Protein backbone atom coordinates (compact mmCIF):
# COMPACT_ATOMS: atom_id res chain seq x y z
CA UNK A 1 23.21 222.20 88.77
CA UNK A 2 23.09 221.02 92.38
CA UNK A 3 23.50 223.40 95.27
CA UNK A 4 25.68 222.56 98.26
CA UNK A 5 22.50 222.48 100.34
CA UNK A 6 21.00 219.88 97.95
CA UNK A 7 24.10 217.71 98.30
CA UNK A 8 24.07 217.99 102.10
CA UNK A 9 20.39 217.05 102.13
CA UNK A 10 21.10 214.04 99.93
CA UNK A 11 23.89 212.86 102.22
CA UNK A 12 21.58 213.33 105.22
CA UNK A 13 18.81 211.31 103.55
CA UNK A 14 21.24 208.45 102.91
CA UNK A 15 22.49 208.53 106.52
CA UNK A 16 18.95 208.47 107.89
CA UNK A 17 18.72 204.84 106.78
CA UNK A 18 20.81 203.95 109.88
CA UNK A 19 18.36 203.13 112.67
CA UNK A 20 18.69 205.37 115.74
CA UNK A 21 21.22 207.79 114.22
CA UNK A 22 20.29 211.48 114.49
CA UNK A 23 21.45 213.24 111.34
CA UNK A 24 22.16 216.96 110.93
CA UNK A 25 22.87 218.45 107.52
CA UNK A 26 24.27 221.51 109.32
CA UNK A 27 26.31 221.65 112.52
CA UNK A 28 23.98 221.65 115.55
CA UNK A 29 24.40 223.84 118.63
CA UNK A 30 23.88 220.83 120.91
CA UNK A 31 25.10 217.29 120.30
CA UNK A 32 22.65 214.52 121.21
CA UNK A 33 24.37 211.19 120.42
CA UNK A 34 24.36 209.05 118.47
CA UNK A 35 24.67 211.84 115.93
CA UNK A 36 26.01 212.35 112.42
CA UNK A 37 26.95 215.89 111.37
CA UNK A 38 27.72 216.93 107.81
CA UNK A 39 30.10 219.78 106.96
CA UNK A 40 31.74 221.02 103.77
CA UNK A 41 35.55 220.94 103.81
CA UNK A 42 36.63 221.78 100.28
CA UNK A 43 35.49 222.44 96.75
CA UNK A 44 37.57 221.72 93.63
CA UNK A 45 36.24 223.46 90.53
CA UNK A 46 36.72 222.64 86.84
CA UNK A 47 37.21 218.90 87.29
CA UNK A 48 36.32 218.04 83.73
CA UNK A 49 36.59 219.57 80.28
CA UNK A 50 34.16 222.42 79.71
CA UNK A 51 34.13 223.00 83.50
CA UNK A 52 31.16 220.63 83.80
CA UNK A 53 32.01 218.94 87.08
CA UNK A 54 32.85 220.07 90.60
CA UNK A 55 34.35 217.87 93.34
CA UNK A 56 32.98 218.55 96.82
CA UNK A 57 34.77 217.26 99.90
CA UNK A 58 32.45 216.78 102.84
CA UNK A 59 33.23 215.57 106.34
CA UNK A 60 30.73 213.39 108.17
CA UNK A 61 31.42 213.31 111.89
CA UNK A 62 29.69 210.60 113.89
CA UNK A 63 29.53 211.11 117.67
CA UNK A 64 28.48 208.52 120.24
CA UNK A 65 28.12 208.85 124.00
CA UNK A 66 30.79 207.53 126.37
CA UNK A 67 28.62 206.42 129.27
CA UNK A 68 30.30 203.03 128.86
CA UNK A 69 33.61 202.72 126.98
CA UNK A 70 32.73 199.24 125.77
CA UNK A 71 29.30 200.29 124.50
CA UNK A 72 30.75 203.35 122.74
CA UNK A 73 33.48 201.27 121.09
CA UNK A 74 31.01 198.61 119.98
CA UNK A 75 28.75 201.23 118.39
CA UNK A 76 31.65 202.96 116.64
CA UNK A 77 32.82 199.57 115.33
CA UNK A 78 29.42 199.07 113.67
CA UNK A 79 29.38 202.61 112.24
CA UNK A 80 32.90 202.43 110.74
CA UNK A 81 32.48 198.95 109.25
CA UNK A 82 32.85 198.75 105.47
CA UNK A 83 29.42 197.12 105.13
CA UNK A 84 26.28 196.30 107.07
CA UNK A 85 23.02 197.93 108.12
CA UNK A 86 24.75 200.28 110.59
CA UNK A 87 27.69 201.17 108.33
CA UNK A 88 28.10 204.86 107.48
CA UNK A 89 29.91 203.89 104.27
CA UNK A 90 27.07 201.59 103.18
CA UNK A 91 24.44 204.24 104.01
CA UNK A 92 26.17 207.11 102.22
CA UNK A 93 26.84 205.01 99.13
CA UNK A 94 23.29 203.57 99.07
CA UNK A 95 22.15 206.26 96.60
CA UNK A 96 25.28 207.33 94.77
CA UNK A 97 23.42 210.10 92.91
CA UNK A 98 21.97 211.70 96.06
CA UNK A 99 18.48 211.71 94.61
CA UNK A 100 19.69 212.70 91.15
CA UNK A 101 21.70 215.72 92.35
CA UNK A 102 25.18 214.20 91.92
CA UNK A 103 27.17 212.12 89.44
CA UNK A 104 28.74 210.02 92.18
CA UNK A 105 29.46 209.88 95.92
CA UNK A 106 31.81 207.67 97.87
CA UNK A 107 33.83 207.45 101.07
CA UNK A 108 37.52 206.99 100.34
CA UNK A 109 38.60 206.89 103.97
CA UNK A 110 37.88 207.11 107.65
CA UNK A 111 40.07 210.13 108.43
CA UNK A 112 39.97 210.18 112.25
CA UNK A 113 38.64 208.16 115.16
CA UNK A 114 38.90 208.65 118.91
CA UNK A 115 37.83 210.67 121.91
CA UNK A 116 36.56 214.21 121.45
CA UNK A 117 35.37 216.86 123.89
CA UNK A 118 32.39 219.00 122.86
CA UNK A 119 31.17 221.72 125.21
CA UNK A 120 33.12 220.09 128.04
CA UNK A 121 31.56 216.65 127.53
CA UNK A 122 33.63 213.68 126.38
CA UNK A 123 32.38 211.63 123.44
CA UNK A 124 33.77 209.04 121.05
CA UNK A 125 33.77 210.03 117.39
CA UNK A 126 34.72 209.05 113.88
CA UNK A 127 35.26 211.36 110.91
CA UNK A 128 34.64 210.20 107.37
CA UNK A 129 35.91 211.91 104.23
CA UNK A 130 33.15 211.98 101.62
CA UNK A 131 33.71 212.89 97.98
CA UNK A 132 30.81 214.09 95.87
CA UNK A 133 31.02 214.81 92.14
CA UNK A 134 28.28 217.06 90.77
CA UNK A 135 27.73 219.79 88.22
């Protein structure tokens, strides 16, 4: 049985395959872009007969600096692409068992994209919904 911490660590390990992306399996006090932060949004129990599977809904928030609008947009475009070396989707789905801790993991959607203010500083961000099935 995988713990939530194990699943977060597995997601973080997959994301660390993106060159230059700082990855936090818990929400950091200070954002230092480009950054990916992993948070748990929901848990659905008893997803299979005999209560053998749990569906975890994680949110991966990617934040990039806005020193230059064009540079920020270009970086976000690479991160939100459906494939490629800098794609969050490709990275997260690169090990669909999260090191043997899950049955499956996938990104069904990019749930939000746009400007965000964190501690009074403007950034550009994208939020990915991530579904993990584990016991």
